[in-house]
N, C-alpha and C. Protein backbone atom coordinates (compact mmCIF):
# COMPACT_ATOMS: atom_id res chain seq x y z
N MET A 1 0.82 -1.20 0.00
CA MET A 1 0.00 0.00 0.00
C MET A 1 0.86 1.26 0.00
N SER A 2 1.88 1.30 0.87
CA SER A 2 2.74 2.47 0.94
C SER A 2 3.54 2.65 -0.35
N GLN A 3 3.86 1.56 -1.02
CA GLN A 3 4.57 1.64 -2.29
C GLN A 3 3.67 2.28 -3.35
N LYS A 4 2.36 1.97 -3.35
CA LYS A 4 1.43 2.56 -4.31
C LYS A 4 1.28 4.06 -4.07
N ILE A 5 1.24 4.46 -2.81
CA ILE A 5 1.15 5.89 -2.47
C ILE A 5 2.40 6.61 -2.94
N PHE A 6 3.55 6.00 -2.71
CA PHE A 6 4.82 6.59 -3.13
C PHE A 6 4.84 6.77 -4.66
N ILE A 7 4.43 5.77 -5.39
CA ILE A 7 4.41 5.84 -6.86
C ILE A 7 3.43 6.91 -7.32
N PHE A 8 2.26 6.97 -6.67
CA PHE A 8 1.27 7.99 -7.02
C PHE A 8 1.84 9.39 -6.80
N LEU A 9 2.47 9.62 -5.66
CA LEU A 9 3.06 10.94 -5.37
C LEU A 9 4.17 11.27 -6.37
N LEU A 10 4.96 10.30 -6.71
CA LEU A 10 6.02 10.51 -7.69
C LEU A 10 5.45 10.92 -9.04
N LEU A 11 4.39 10.25 -9.46
CA LEU A 11 3.73 10.60 -10.73
C LEU A 11 3.16 12.01 -10.68
N VAL A 12 2.51 12.38 -9.58
CA VAL A 12 1.92 13.72 -9.44
C VAL A 12 3.01 14.78 -9.50
N LEU A 13 4.11 14.55 -8.80
CA LEU A 13 5.21 15.51 -8.82
C LEU A 13 5.80 15.64 -10.22
N ASN A 14 6.00 14.54 -10.90
CA ASN A 14 6.55 14.59 -12.26
C ASN A 14 5.62 15.34 -13.21
N VAL A 15 4.32 15.11 -13.09
CA VAL A 15 3.36 15.80 -13.96
C VAL A 15 3.37 17.29 -13.68
N SER A 16 3.42 17.69 -12.39
CA SER A 16 3.41 19.13 -12.09
C SER A 16 4.70 19.80 -12.53
N VAL A 17 5.84 19.11 -12.40
CA VAL A 17 7.10 19.68 -12.88
C VAL A 17 7.06 19.81 -14.40
N PHE A 18 6.53 18.79 -15.08
CA PHE A 18 6.42 18.84 -16.53
C PHE A 18 5.48 19.96 -16.96
N ALA A 19 4.35 20.12 -16.28
CA ALA A 19 3.38 21.17 -16.63
C ALA A 19 4.01 22.55 -16.44
N SER A 20 4.79 22.72 -15.36
CA SER A 20 5.45 24.01 -15.14
C SER A 20 6.46 24.31 -16.24
N SER A 21 7.20 23.28 -16.67
CA SER A 21 8.20 23.52 -17.70
C SER A 21 7.56 23.87 -19.03
N LEU A 22 6.32 23.42 -19.25
CA LEU A 22 5.62 23.79 -20.48
C LEU A 22 5.29 25.27 -20.52
N ASN A 23 5.17 25.90 -19.36
CA ASN A 23 4.81 27.30 -19.28
C ASN A 23 6.02 28.23 -19.31
N LEU A 24 7.22 27.68 -19.39
CA LEU A 24 8.40 28.52 -19.52
C LEU A 24 8.35 29.22 -20.86
N GLY A 25 9.01 30.34 -20.96
CA GLY A 25 9.04 31.07 -22.22
C GLY A 25 8.37 32.43 -22.10
N LEU A 26 7.87 32.94 -23.22
CA LEU A 26 7.33 34.29 -23.27
C LEU A 26 5.97 34.41 -22.59
N HIS A 27 5.83 35.46 -21.81
CA HIS A 27 4.58 35.80 -21.13
C HIS A 27 4.39 37.31 -21.23
N THR A 28 3.13 37.74 -21.12
CA THR A 28 2.86 39.17 -21.00
C THR A 28 2.36 39.45 -19.60
N ILE A 29 2.52 40.68 -19.17
CA ILE A 29 2.07 41.10 -17.85
C ILE A 29 0.57 41.36 -17.95
N ASP A 30 -0.19 40.76 -17.03
CA ASP A 30 -1.64 40.90 -17.04
C ASP A 30 -2.11 41.63 -15.78
N ALA A 31 -1.37 42.67 -15.42
CA ALA A 31 -1.72 43.53 -14.28
C ALA A 31 -1.25 44.93 -14.63
N ASN A 32 -1.84 45.93 -14.02
CA ASN A 32 -1.42 47.30 -14.32
C ASN A 32 0.05 47.51 -14.00
N ALA A 33 0.48 47.01 -12.86
CA ALA A 33 1.89 47.09 -12.47
C ALA A 33 2.22 45.82 -11.68
N LEU A 34 3.38 45.27 -11.93
CA LEU A 34 3.81 44.04 -11.26
C LEU A 34 5.19 44.28 -10.67
N LYS A 35 5.32 44.03 -9.37
CA LYS A 35 6.59 44.26 -8.69
C LYS A 35 7.60 43.17 -9.04
N VAL A 36 8.80 43.59 -9.38
CA VAL A 36 9.90 42.66 -9.61
C VAL A 36 10.70 42.61 -8.31
N ARG A 37 10.91 41.39 -7.81
CA ARG A 37 11.58 41.22 -6.52
C ARG A 37 12.87 40.42 -6.68
N THR A 38 13.70 40.46 -5.66
CA THR A 38 15.00 39.77 -5.70
C THR A 38 14.89 38.30 -5.31
N GLY A 39 13.70 37.84 -4.97
CA GLY A 39 13.50 36.44 -4.61
C GLY A 39 12.07 36.01 -4.85
N SER A 40 11.79 34.74 -4.57
CA SER A 40 10.50 34.16 -4.92
C SER A 40 9.48 34.23 -3.78
N SER A 41 9.33 35.42 -3.20
CA SER A 41 8.24 35.66 -2.24
C SER A 41 8.13 37.17 -2.04
N SER A 42 7.02 37.58 -1.42
CA SER A 42 6.82 39.02 -1.18
C SER A 42 7.72 39.54 -0.07
N GLN A 43 8.45 38.66 0.59
CA GLN A 43 9.38 39.07 1.65
C GLN A 43 10.67 39.65 1.07
N TYR A 44 10.94 39.37 -0.20
CA TYR A 44 12.17 39.85 -0.83
C TYR A 44 12.03 41.31 -1.26
N LYS A 45 13.16 41.95 -1.45
CA LYS A 45 13.22 43.37 -1.81
C LYS A 45 12.55 43.63 -3.15
N HIS A 46 11.79 44.70 -3.22
CA HIS A 46 11.14 45.16 -4.45
C HIS A 46 12.16 46.00 -5.23
N SER A 47 12.49 45.57 -6.46
CA SER A 47 13.51 46.28 -7.26
C SER A 47 12.89 47.36 -8.13
N TYR A 48 11.86 47.00 -8.89
CA TYR A 48 11.19 47.93 -9.79
C TYR A 48 9.89 47.30 -10.25
N ASN A 49 9.11 48.03 -11.02
CA ASN A 49 7.85 47.51 -11.55
C ASN A 49 7.96 47.26 -13.05
N ILE A 50 7.16 46.30 -13.52
CA ILE A 50 6.95 46.14 -14.95
C ILE A 50 5.45 46.30 -15.16
N TYR A 51 5.05 46.64 -16.38
CA TYR A 51 3.70 47.12 -16.59
C TYR A 51 2.91 46.29 -17.60
N LYS A 52 1.60 46.46 -17.56
CA LYS A 52 0.65 45.72 -18.38
C LYS A 52 1.12 45.64 -19.83
N ASN A 53 1.02 44.44 -20.39
CA ASN A 53 1.36 44.11 -21.78
C ASN A 53 2.85 44.10 -22.07
N GLN A 54 3.71 44.36 -21.08
CA GLN A 54 5.14 44.17 -21.32
C GLN A 54 5.39 42.67 -21.45
N THR A 55 6.39 42.30 -22.21
CA THR A 55 6.72 40.90 -22.42
C THR A 55 7.94 40.52 -21.60
N VAL A 56 7.86 39.35 -20.95
CA VAL A 56 8.99 38.82 -20.18
C VAL A 56 9.19 37.36 -20.56
N THR A 57 10.38 36.86 -20.32
CA THR A 57 10.67 35.44 -20.53
C THR A 57 10.81 34.78 -19.17
N VAL A 58 10.03 33.73 -18.95
CA VAL A 58 10.07 32.99 -17.69
C VAL A 58 11.07 31.84 -17.84
N HIS A 59 12.00 31.77 -16.89
CA HIS A 59 13.04 30.73 -16.91
C HIS A 59 12.82 29.66 -15.85
N GLU A 60 11.97 29.97 -14.85
CA GLU A 60 11.74 29.01 -13.77
C GLU A 60 10.48 29.42 -13.00
N PHE A 61 9.76 28.43 -12.50
CA PHE A 61 8.64 28.66 -11.59
C PHE A 61 8.98 28.06 -10.24
N LYS A 62 8.56 28.76 -9.17
CA LYS A 62 8.83 28.27 -7.83
C LYS A 62 7.80 28.85 -6.87
N ASN A 63 6.99 27.99 -6.28
CA ASN A 63 6.00 28.40 -5.26
C ASN A 63 5.09 29.54 -5.72
N GLY A 64 4.64 29.49 -6.97
CA GLY A 64 3.75 30.52 -7.48
C GLY A 64 4.46 31.76 -7.98
N TRP A 65 5.77 31.74 -8.04
CA TRP A 65 6.57 32.87 -8.51
C TRP A 65 7.32 32.45 -9.77
N ALA A 66 7.64 33.42 -10.62
CA ALA A 66 8.33 33.15 -11.88
C ALA A 66 9.63 33.95 -11.93
N ARG A 67 10.73 33.25 -12.26
CA ARG A 67 12.02 33.95 -12.42
C ARG A 67 12.11 34.45 -13.85
N ILE A 68 12.30 35.77 -14.00
CA ILE A 68 12.35 36.38 -15.33
C ILE A 68 13.77 36.79 -15.71
N SER A 69 14.71 36.51 -14.83
CA SER A 69 16.12 36.80 -15.16
C SER A 69 16.76 35.52 -15.67
N LYS A 70 17.65 35.66 -16.65
CA LYS A 70 18.35 34.49 -17.18
C LYS A 70 19.24 33.88 -16.10
N SER A 71 19.94 34.74 -15.42
CA SER A 71 20.93 34.29 -14.44
C SER A 71 20.31 34.22 -13.05
N GLU A 72 20.69 33.22 -12.29
CA GLU A 72 20.26 33.13 -10.90
C GLU A 72 21.13 34.02 -10.02
N ASP A 73 22.24 34.55 -10.58
CA ASP A 73 23.13 35.43 -9.83
C ASP A 73 22.47 36.79 -9.56
N THR A 74 21.68 37.26 -10.50
CA THR A 74 20.95 38.52 -10.33
C THR A 74 19.46 38.20 -10.46
N PRO A 75 18.88 37.59 -9.43
CA PRO A 75 17.50 37.10 -9.54
C PRO A 75 16.47 38.21 -9.66
N LYS A 76 15.52 37.98 -10.55
CA LYS A 76 14.37 38.88 -10.73
C LYS A 76 13.15 37.98 -10.78
N TRP A 77 12.26 38.12 -9.80
CA TRP A 77 11.08 37.27 -9.67
C TRP A 77 9.82 38.12 -9.69
N VAL A 78 8.76 37.57 -10.26
CA VAL A 78 7.44 38.21 -10.25
C VAL A 78 6.40 37.18 -9.83
N TYR A 79 5.30 37.66 -9.30
CA TYR A 79 4.21 36.78 -8.90
C TYR A 79 3.56 36.23 -10.18
N ALA A 80 3.58 34.92 -10.34
CA ALA A 80 3.20 34.27 -11.60
C ALA A 80 1.71 34.40 -11.92
N LYS A 81 0.90 34.68 -10.93
CA LYS A 81 -0.55 34.79 -11.15
C LYS A 81 -0.87 35.86 -12.20
N TYR A 82 -0.02 36.87 -12.33
CA TYR A 82 -0.28 37.99 -13.23
C TYR A 82 0.47 37.89 -14.55
N LEU A 83 0.85 36.68 -14.92
CA LEU A 83 1.50 36.44 -16.20
C LEU A 83 0.54 35.69 -17.11
N LYS A 84 0.59 36.00 -18.39
CA LYS A 84 -0.24 35.32 -19.38
C LYS A 84 0.69 34.74 -20.44
N LYS A 85 0.63 33.45 -20.62
CA LYS A 85 1.48 32.75 -21.58
C LYS A 85 1.18 33.21 -23.00
N ILE A 86 2.22 33.43 -23.78
CA ILE A 86 2.06 33.78 -25.19
C ILE A 86 2.24 32.50 -25.99
N ASN A 87 1.24 32.14 -26.76
CA ASN A 87 1.35 30.97 -27.62
C ASN A 87 2.32 31.26 -28.75
N LYS A 88 2.91 30.21 -29.29
CA LYS A 88 3.87 30.41 -30.38
C LYS A 88 3.22 31.05 -31.60
N GLN A 89 1.93 30.76 -31.82
CA GLN A 89 1.25 31.29 -32.99
C GLN A 89 0.98 32.79 -32.85
N GLU A 90 0.69 33.24 -31.60
CA GLU A 90 0.36 34.65 -31.44
C GLU A 90 1.60 35.43 -31.06
N LYS A 91 1.61 36.67 -31.41
CA LYS A 91 2.71 37.54 -31.06
C LYS A 91 2.33 38.33 -29.82
N SER A 92 3.31 38.94 -29.22
CA SER A 92 3.06 39.76 -28.04
C SER A 92 2.07 40.86 -28.38
N PRO A 93 1.01 41.03 -27.56
CA PRO A 93 0.06 42.09 -27.86
C PRO A 93 0.72 43.44 -27.71
N LYS A 94 0.50 44.29 -28.67
CA LYS A 94 1.12 45.60 -28.62
C LYS A 94 0.04 46.66 -28.70
N LYS A 95 0.20 47.65 -27.85
CA LYS A 95 -0.70 48.78 -27.92
C LYS A 95 -0.32 49.60 -29.13
N LYS A 96 -1.29 50.29 -29.67
CA LYS A 96 -0.94 51.22 -30.73
C LYS A 96 -0.24 52.39 -30.07
N ILE A 97 0.97 52.61 -30.45
CA ILE A 97 1.77 53.66 -29.83
C ILE A 97 1.87 54.82 -30.81
N GLN A 98 1.48 55.97 -30.31
CA GLN A 98 1.58 57.15 -31.15
C GLN A 98 3.04 57.57 -31.23
N LYS A 99 3.41 57.95 -32.41
CA LYS A 99 4.77 58.43 -32.60
C LYS A 99 4.68 59.86 -33.12
N LYS A 100 5.62 60.66 -32.71
CA LYS A 100 5.63 62.06 -33.13
C LYS A 100 6.89 62.34 -33.91
N GLU A 101 6.72 63.13 -34.93
CA GLU A 101 7.86 63.55 -35.73
C GLU A 101 8.57 64.69 -35.02
N THR A 102 9.87 64.55 -34.82
CA THR A 102 10.67 65.64 -34.27
C THR A 102 11.85 65.83 -35.21
N GLY A 103 11.69 66.71 -36.14
CA GLY A 103 12.73 66.89 -37.14
C GLY A 103 12.77 65.69 -38.05
N LYS A 104 13.93 65.00 -38.10
CA LYS A 104 14.11 63.86 -38.99
C LYS A 104 13.74 62.53 -38.35
N THR A 105 13.58 62.49 -37.02
CA THR A 105 13.35 61.22 -36.35
C THR A 105 11.92 61.11 -35.81
N THR A 106 11.49 59.89 -35.62
CA THR A 106 10.19 59.62 -35.02
C THR A 106 10.44 59.16 -33.60
N VAL A 107 9.69 59.73 -32.64
CA VAL A 107 9.89 59.45 -31.23
C VAL A 107 8.59 58.95 -30.63
N ASP A 108 8.67 57.90 -29.84
CA ASP A 108 7.52 57.38 -29.13
C ASP A 108 6.94 58.49 -28.26
N SER A 109 5.62 58.70 -28.35
CA SER A 109 4.98 59.81 -27.61
C SER A 109 5.13 59.64 -26.10
N ARG A 110 5.19 58.38 -25.62
CA ARG A 110 5.37 58.16 -24.18
C ARG A 110 6.75 58.67 -23.74
N LEU A 111 7.77 58.34 -24.54
CA LEU A 111 9.11 58.79 -24.20
C LEU A 111 9.17 60.31 -24.17
N LEU A 112 8.58 60.95 -25.17
CA LEU A 112 8.56 62.42 -25.20
C LEU A 112 7.87 62.97 -23.96
N ARG A 113 6.75 62.37 -23.59
CA ARG A 113 6.00 62.85 -22.42
C ARG A 113 6.85 62.74 -21.16
N TYR A 114 7.60 61.64 -21.03
CA TYR A 114 8.38 61.44 -19.81
C TYR A 114 9.62 62.33 -19.77
N ILE A 115 10.36 62.41 -20.88
CA ILE A 115 11.59 63.20 -20.82
C ILE A 115 11.34 64.69 -20.96
N SER A 116 10.15 65.08 -21.35
CA SER A 116 9.85 66.52 -21.42
C SER A 116 9.80 67.14 -20.03
N LYS A 117 9.82 66.30 -19.00
CA LYS A 117 9.86 66.79 -17.61
C LYS A 117 11.29 66.92 -17.11
N SER A 118 12.26 66.67 -17.97
CA SER A 118 13.68 66.76 -17.59
C SER A 118 14.03 68.19 -17.22
N ASP A 119 15.05 68.31 -16.36
CA ASP A 119 15.58 69.63 -16.04
C ASP A 119 16.13 70.26 -17.32
N ASN A 120 15.83 71.52 -17.55
CA ASN A 120 16.32 72.28 -18.72
C ASN A 120 15.99 71.59 -20.04
N TYR A 121 14.80 71.00 -20.11
CA TYR A 121 14.40 70.24 -21.29
C TYR A 121 14.43 71.09 -22.56
N ILE A 122 13.90 72.27 -22.51
CA ILE A 122 13.82 73.10 -23.72
C ILE A 122 15.21 73.35 -24.29
N LYS A 123 16.15 73.62 -23.42
CA LYS A 123 17.53 73.91 -23.86
C LYS A 123 18.20 72.66 -24.45
N HIS A 124 17.93 71.47 -23.89
CA HIS A 124 18.66 70.26 -24.28
C HIS A 124 17.78 69.17 -24.88
N SER A 125 16.61 69.51 -25.36
CA SER A 125 15.65 68.49 -25.80
C SER A 125 16.22 67.54 -26.86
N LYS A 126 16.91 68.07 -27.84
CA LYS A 126 17.43 67.21 -28.91
C LYS A 126 18.42 66.17 -28.38
N VAL A 127 19.30 66.60 -27.48
CA VAL A 127 20.27 65.67 -26.91
C VAL A 127 19.57 64.64 -26.02
N PHE A 128 18.63 65.09 -25.18
CA PHE A 128 17.90 64.16 -24.31
C PHE A 128 17.15 63.10 -25.13
N ILE A 129 16.50 63.53 -26.20
CA ILE A 129 15.76 62.60 -27.05
C ILE A 129 16.72 61.61 -27.70
N ASN A 130 17.79 62.11 -28.28
CA ASN A 130 18.76 61.26 -28.96
C ASN A 130 19.38 60.24 -28.02
N VAL A 131 19.86 60.69 -26.88
CA VAL A 131 20.53 59.80 -25.93
C VAL A 131 19.53 58.79 -25.37
N SER A 132 18.32 59.23 -25.04
CA SER A 132 17.31 58.32 -24.49
C SER A 132 16.97 57.23 -25.50
N GLN A 133 16.80 57.61 -26.76
CA GLN A 133 16.50 56.61 -27.79
C GLN A 133 17.66 55.62 -27.96
N ARG A 134 18.89 56.11 -27.91
CA ARG A 134 20.06 55.23 -28.01
C ARG A 134 20.10 54.24 -26.85
N LEU A 135 19.81 54.71 -25.64
CA LEU A 135 19.84 53.84 -24.46
C LEU A 135 18.74 52.78 -24.54
N ILE A 136 17.58 53.15 -25.07
CA ILE A 136 16.49 52.20 -25.22
C ILE A 136 16.82 51.19 -26.31
N ALA A 137 17.32 51.67 -27.43
CA ALA A 137 17.65 50.78 -28.56
C ALA A 137 18.74 49.78 -28.20
N SER A 138 19.65 50.17 -27.32
CA SER A 138 20.73 49.26 -26.92
C SER A 138 20.36 48.46 -25.66
N HIS A 139 19.11 48.53 -25.24
CA HIS A 139 18.58 47.75 -24.11
C HIS A 139 19.22 48.09 -22.78
N VAL A 140 19.73 49.30 -22.65
CA VAL A 140 20.27 49.76 -21.38
C VAL A 140 19.13 50.31 -20.52
N CYS A 141 18.19 51.00 -21.15
CA CYS A 141 17.04 51.57 -20.45
C CYS A 141 15.75 51.10 -21.12
N ARG A 142 14.67 51.26 -20.39
CA ARG A 142 13.33 51.03 -20.92
C ARG A 142 12.58 52.35 -20.85
N ILE A 143 11.55 52.50 -21.65
CA ILE A 143 10.76 53.73 -21.61
C ILE A 143 10.23 53.96 -20.20
N SER A 144 9.84 52.89 -19.52
CA SER A 144 9.29 53.03 -18.16
C SER A 144 10.31 53.62 -17.19
N ASP A 145 11.61 53.43 -17.44
CA ASP A 145 12.62 54.03 -16.57
C ASP A 145 12.53 55.55 -16.60
N PHE A 146 12.27 56.12 -17.76
CA PHE A 146 12.17 57.58 -17.89
C PHE A 146 10.90 58.10 -17.24
N ARG A 147 9.86 57.26 -17.22
CA ARG A 147 8.62 57.66 -16.54
C ARG A 147 8.88 57.76 -15.04
N LYS A 148 9.60 56.81 -14.51
CA LYS A 148 9.84 56.76 -13.06
C LYS A 148 10.69 57.94 -12.59
N THR A 149 11.62 58.39 -13.41
CA THR A 149 12.52 59.47 -13.00
C THR A 149 12.11 60.83 -13.54
N SER A 150 11.07 60.87 -14.35
CA SER A 150 10.66 62.11 -15.01
C SER A 150 11.78 62.67 -15.87
N GLY A 151 12.48 61.79 -16.56
CA GLY A 151 13.50 62.22 -17.52
C GLY A 151 14.88 62.35 -16.92
N TRP A 152 15.57 63.39 -17.36
CA TRP A 152 16.97 63.64 -16.98
C TRP A 152 17.03 64.69 -15.88
N ILE A 153 17.91 64.46 -14.90
CA ILE A 153 18.03 65.32 -13.73
C ILE A 153 19.39 66.00 -13.77
N GLU A 154 19.39 67.31 -13.57
CA GLU A 154 20.64 68.06 -13.60
C GLU A 154 21.45 67.75 -12.35
N LEU A 155 22.71 67.36 -12.55
CA LEU A 155 23.60 67.03 -11.44
C LEU A 155 24.42 68.24 -11.02
N SER A 156 24.88 68.97 -12.01
CA SER A 156 25.73 70.13 -11.72
C SER A 156 25.58 71.15 -12.84
N LYS A 157 26.07 72.31 -12.58
CA LYS A 157 26.03 73.37 -13.61
C LYS A 157 27.04 73.12 -14.73
N ASP A 158 27.80 72.02 -14.62
CA ASP A 158 28.79 71.65 -15.63
C ASP A 158 28.17 70.83 -16.75
N GLU A 159 26.84 70.95 -16.93
CA GLU A 159 26.12 70.25 -18.00
C GLU A 159 26.19 68.74 -17.86
N ILE A 160 26.13 68.25 -16.62
CA ILE A 160 26.07 66.80 -16.39
C ILE A 160 24.68 66.48 -15.84
N TYR A 161 24.04 65.50 -16.47
CA TYR A 161 22.68 65.08 -16.10
C TYR A 161 22.70 63.58 -15.86
N PHE A 162 21.72 63.09 -15.11
CA PHE A 162 21.63 61.65 -14.88
C PHE A 162 20.18 61.20 -14.89
N THR A 163 20.01 59.89 -15.05
CA THR A 163 18.73 59.22 -14.90
C THR A 163 19.03 57.84 -14.34
N TYR A 164 18.00 57.11 -13.96
CA TYR A 164 18.15 55.75 -13.47
C TYR A 164 17.54 54.78 -14.47
N CYS A 165 18.23 53.67 -14.70
CA CYS A 165 17.71 52.62 -15.58
C CYS A 165 17.79 51.28 -14.87
N GLY A 166 16.64 50.65 -14.65
CA GLY A 166 16.60 49.32 -14.05
C GLY A 166 16.49 49.30 -12.55
N GLY A 167 16.39 50.43 -11.91
CA GLY A 167 16.27 50.49 -10.46
C GLY A 167 16.73 51.85 -9.97
N PHE A 168 16.81 51.99 -8.65
CA PHE A 168 17.20 53.28 -8.09
C PHE A 168 18.43 53.15 -7.20
N ASN A 169 19.31 52.26 -7.56
CA ASN A 169 20.57 52.11 -6.84
C ASN A 169 21.66 52.88 -7.56
N LYS A 170 22.78 53.07 -6.89
CA LYS A 170 23.90 53.80 -7.49
C LYS A 170 24.35 53.16 -8.80
N LYS A 171 24.34 51.82 -8.84
CA LYS A 171 24.77 51.11 -10.05
C LYS A 171 23.81 51.32 -11.23
N ASP A 172 22.60 51.80 -10.95
CA ASP A 172 21.59 51.99 -12.00
C ASP A 172 21.62 53.39 -12.60
N LYS A 173 22.53 54.25 -12.11
CA LYS A 173 22.61 55.61 -12.61
C LYS A 173 23.33 55.67 -13.95
N ILE A 174 22.76 56.42 -14.86
CA ILE A 174 23.37 56.68 -16.16
C ILE A 174 23.58 58.19 -16.25
N TYR A 175 24.80 58.60 -16.55
CA TYR A 175 25.12 60.02 -16.64
C TYR A 175 25.35 60.40 -18.10
N ILE A 176 25.08 61.65 -18.40
CA ILE A 176 25.47 62.19 -19.70
C ILE A 176 26.15 63.53 -19.46
N ASN A 177 27.31 63.68 -20.10
CA ASN A 177 28.02 64.96 -20.07
C ASN A 177 27.66 65.67 -21.36
N LEU A 178 26.89 66.74 -21.27
CA LEU A 178 26.43 67.42 -22.47
C LEU A 178 27.54 68.19 -23.18
N LEU A 179 28.63 68.48 -22.48
CA LEU A 179 29.76 69.17 -23.13
C LEU A 179 30.52 68.23 -24.05
N THR A 180 30.63 66.96 -23.64
CA THR A 180 31.37 65.98 -24.45
C THR A 180 30.44 65.00 -25.16
N ASN A 181 29.15 65.02 -24.80
CA ASN A 181 28.14 64.11 -25.36
C ASN A 181 28.45 62.65 -25.03
N LYS A 182 29.15 62.40 -23.91
CA LYS A 182 29.50 61.04 -23.51
C LYS A 182 28.51 60.53 -22.48
N ILE A 183 28.18 59.24 -22.61
CA ILE A 183 27.31 58.56 -21.66
C ILE A 183 28.20 57.76 -20.72
N ILE A 184 27.93 57.87 -19.42
CA ILE A 184 28.72 57.17 -18.43
C ILE A 184 27.76 56.38 -17.55
N GLY A 185 28.08 55.11 -17.31
CA GLY A 185 27.22 54.31 -16.43
C GLY A 185 27.25 52.86 -16.82
N ASN A 186 26.48 52.05 -16.11
CA ASN A 186 26.38 50.62 -16.36
C ASN A 186 25.62 50.39 -17.65
N MET A 187 26.29 49.93 -18.67
CA MET A 187 25.67 49.77 -20.00
C MET A 187 25.28 48.32 -20.28
N LYS A 188 25.17 47.48 -19.25
CA LYS A 188 24.84 46.05 -19.46
C LYS A 188 23.53 45.71 -18.80
N LYS A 189 22.50 46.51 -18.94
CA LYS A 189 21.26 46.34 -18.19
C LYS A 189 20.40 45.19 -18.68
N TYR A 190 19.73 45.36 -19.79
CA TYR A 190 18.65 44.46 -20.19
C TYR A 190 19.03 43.51 -21.31
N LYS A 191 20.29 43.25 -21.49
CA LYS A 191 20.69 42.37 -22.59
C LYS A 191 20.48 40.94 -22.25
């Protein structure tokens, strides 16, 4: 009798592990905002939020939580209840995003709205737009990072500005020197 119970439990565990592994892969966020934490429970530190319809890749499930970071060295976990699996046939749902023409380039209207709150925006708008787009295109920043910081913040009168990408720690600061047009900071964020 105990051997039958053991076999039954083994089968149940194998089926649940197999079912969880089927759900690995691309998911969209199905909540207005979802907290990203450093571990697989609400007791862990909250790093930043991700937002409705953003796409994430799930690498592991554990106790109702999903690991969205490739590496376990820098863990990023979200509550799995608010994830929606993307089937291979369907693509990630995308909102229609308005784009605005600014001279020769097209800029996402959300990005413009967020960085237009930057310190001295009128004076430096072209540089802020250009640098922000470069940081997003190279996966260093996300548009939501600029929303959280309200764009670029003046550090000194020496034309140095900063923003945060991926969190609000010192390592997440990105600086731009407007005199030299150089970007300084951790450039290995979202790759």
